[in-house]
Protein backbone atom coordinates (compact mmCIF):
# COMPACT_ATOMS: atom_id res chain seq x y z
CA MET A 1 20.83 -3.98 3.57
CA VAL A 2 17.72 -3.06 5.54
CA THR A 3 14.53 -5.06 5.19
CA ILE A 4 11.00 -4.18 6.21
CA PRO A 5 9.85 -6.62 8.91
CA GLN A 6 6.66 -8.56 8.15
CA ASP A 7 4.97 -7.08 11.23
CA ASP A 8 6.17 -3.50 10.70
CA PRO A 9 3.61 -1.17 12.29
CA VAL A 10 3.89 1.42 9.49
CA TYR A 11 4.62 -0.40 6.23
CA ASN A 12 1.47 -2.48 5.93
CA VAL A 13 -1.89 -2.64 4.17
CA GLU A 14 -3.60 -0.44 6.78
CA THR A 15 -1.14 2.40 6.20
CA PHE A 16 -1.29 1.91 2.44
CA MET A 17 -5.07 2.35 2.56
CA LYS A 18 -4.57 5.77 4.20
CA LEU A 19 -2.80 7.09 1.12
CA ARG A 20 -5.09 9.54 -0.65
CA PRO A 21 -4.49 10.01 -4.38
CA VAL A 22 -5.48 13.51 -5.49
CA PHE A 23 -5.56 15.74 -8.54
CA TYR A 24 -3.58 18.95 -8.13
CA ASN A 25 -2.12 21.91 -9.96
CA PRO A 26 1.59 22.41 -9.37
CA LYS A 27 2.76 25.30 -7.24
CA ASP A 28 5.72 27.56 -7.90
CA ASP A 29 8.00 26.37 -10.71
CA CYS A 30 7.23 22.69 -10.30
CA GLY A 31 5.37 22.23 -13.56
CA ASP A 32 2.83 23.60 -15.98
CA GLU A 33 0.24 25.39 -13.81
CA THR A 34 -2.40 24.94 -16.52
CA LYS A 35 -2.21 21.14 -16.28
CA ARG A 36 -3.78 18.92 -13.68
CA TYR A 37 -1.58 16.22 -12.17
CA VAL A 38 -2.39 13.14 -10.11
CA GLY A 39 -0.36 12.16 -7.09
CA LEU A 40 -0.14 12.24 -3.32
CA ILE A 41 0.29 15.16 -0.92
CA ALA A 42 3.76 14.86 0.59
CA GLU A 43 2.68 16.28 3.94
CA GLU A 44 -0.10 13.68 4.22
CA VAL A 45 2.33 10.88 3.38
CA GLN A 46 4.64 12.19 6.11
CA ASP A 47 1.74 12.46 8.60
CA ILE A 48 0.79 8.79 8.26
CA GLY A 49 4.35 7.79 9.14
CA LEU A 50 5.96 7.25 5.75
CA ARG A 51 8.77 9.78 6.22
CA GLU A 52 11.16 7.70 4.11
CA MET A 53 8.94 8.36 1.09
CA VAL A 54 9.20 12.14 1.46
CA SER A 55 12.01 14.31 0.07
CA TYR A 56 13.23 17.12 2.34
CA GLY A 57 15.16 20.31 1.73
CA GLU A 58 16.79 22.81 4.04
CA ASN A 59 15.47 22.96 7.60
CA ASP A 60 13.60 19.68 7.04
CA LYS A 61 11.19 21.43 4.64
CA VAL A 62 8.99 19.01 2.70
CA MET A 63 9.97 19.25 -0.97
CA GLY A 64 8.07 16.36 -2.56
CA LEU A 65 7.74 12.61 -2.79
CA GLY A 66 10.02 9.83 -3.93
CA TYR A 67 7.47 7.95 -6.03
CA ASP A 68 10.13 5.35 -6.79
CA ARG A 69 10.24 4.56 -3.06
CA ILE A 70 6.46 4.37 -2.86
CA SER A 71 6.46 1.68 -5.56
CA VAL A 72 8.73 -0.45 -3.36
CA PHE A 73 6.27 0.00 -0.46
CA THR A 74 3.50 -1.06 -2.83
CA MET A 75 5.35 -4.32 -3.55
CA LYS A 76 5.37 -5.13 0.16
CA VAL A 77 1.64 -4.47 0.38
CA VAL A 78 0.98 -6.72 -2.64
CA GLN A 79 3.06 -9.47 -1.00
CA GLU A 80 1.05 -9.09 2.21
CA GLN A 81 -2.23 -9.25 0.29
CA GLN A 82 -1.04 -12.29 -1.67
CA LYS A 83 -0.34 -14.09 1.59
CA ILE A 84 -3.89 -13.30 2.74
CA ILE A 85 -5.31 -14.53 -0.59
CA GLN A 86 -3.38 -17.79 -0.33
CA GLU A 87 -4.60 -18.35 3.24
CA GLN A 88 -8.20 -17.66 2.17
CA GLN A 89 -7.86 -20.02 -0.81
CA GLN A 90 -6.64 -22.76 1.49
CA LYS A 91 -9.67 -22.20 3.76
CA ILE A 92 -11.98 -22.39 0.71
CA ASN A 93 -10.33 -25.62 -0.43
CA ASP A 94 -10.70 -27.11 3.06
CA LEU A 95 -14.37 -26.11 3.23
CA GLU A 96 -15.07 -27.54 -0.21
CA GLU A 97 -13.50 -30.82 0.87
CA GLN A 98 -15.65 -30.86 4.01
CA ILE A 99 -18.77 -30.22 1.91
CA LYS A 100 -17.87 -33.16 -0.35
CA LEU A 101 -17.45 -35.42 2.66
CA ILE A 102 -20.77 -34.32 4.14
CA LYS A 103 -22.52 -34.85 0.80
CA SER A 104 -21.05 -38.30 0.44
CA TYR A 105 -22.08 -39.15 3.98
CA LEU A 106 -25.64 -37.97 3.26
CA ASN A 107 -25.67 -39.61 -0.18
CA ILE A 108 -26.42 -36.30 -1.89
C-alpha cells in the first residue's frame, strides 16, 4: 500500500486550487457532440503534476482522466483543510478565553 505523505509537494491544497473546471464539447467518438459536459482538461491536470490522475494510451498519449482517482485526491485536500479549521478553532477558543480573562480583570 502506498500512502500520500502529509507534506507531499504535489498532492496538497495549493495544487488542488490549480485545477480548472471547464465546460467542453467532446471530441471524436467520446460522447454526444451536441451536449456540453463539465470536467477538467487532462493535459492541464498532467501539467500541474497530477500524472497519476491521467489515463494514457499508446506512446504515452493522454487519453483522459481517472475521475475516481481525483475524488481520492479531494479527500486528502478535505483532510488537510479540516486540520487547518481545527487549528483555527483552537486559536479562536484561546483568544475568547483571553478576552474573558481581560474583561474579568477590568470588571467589564
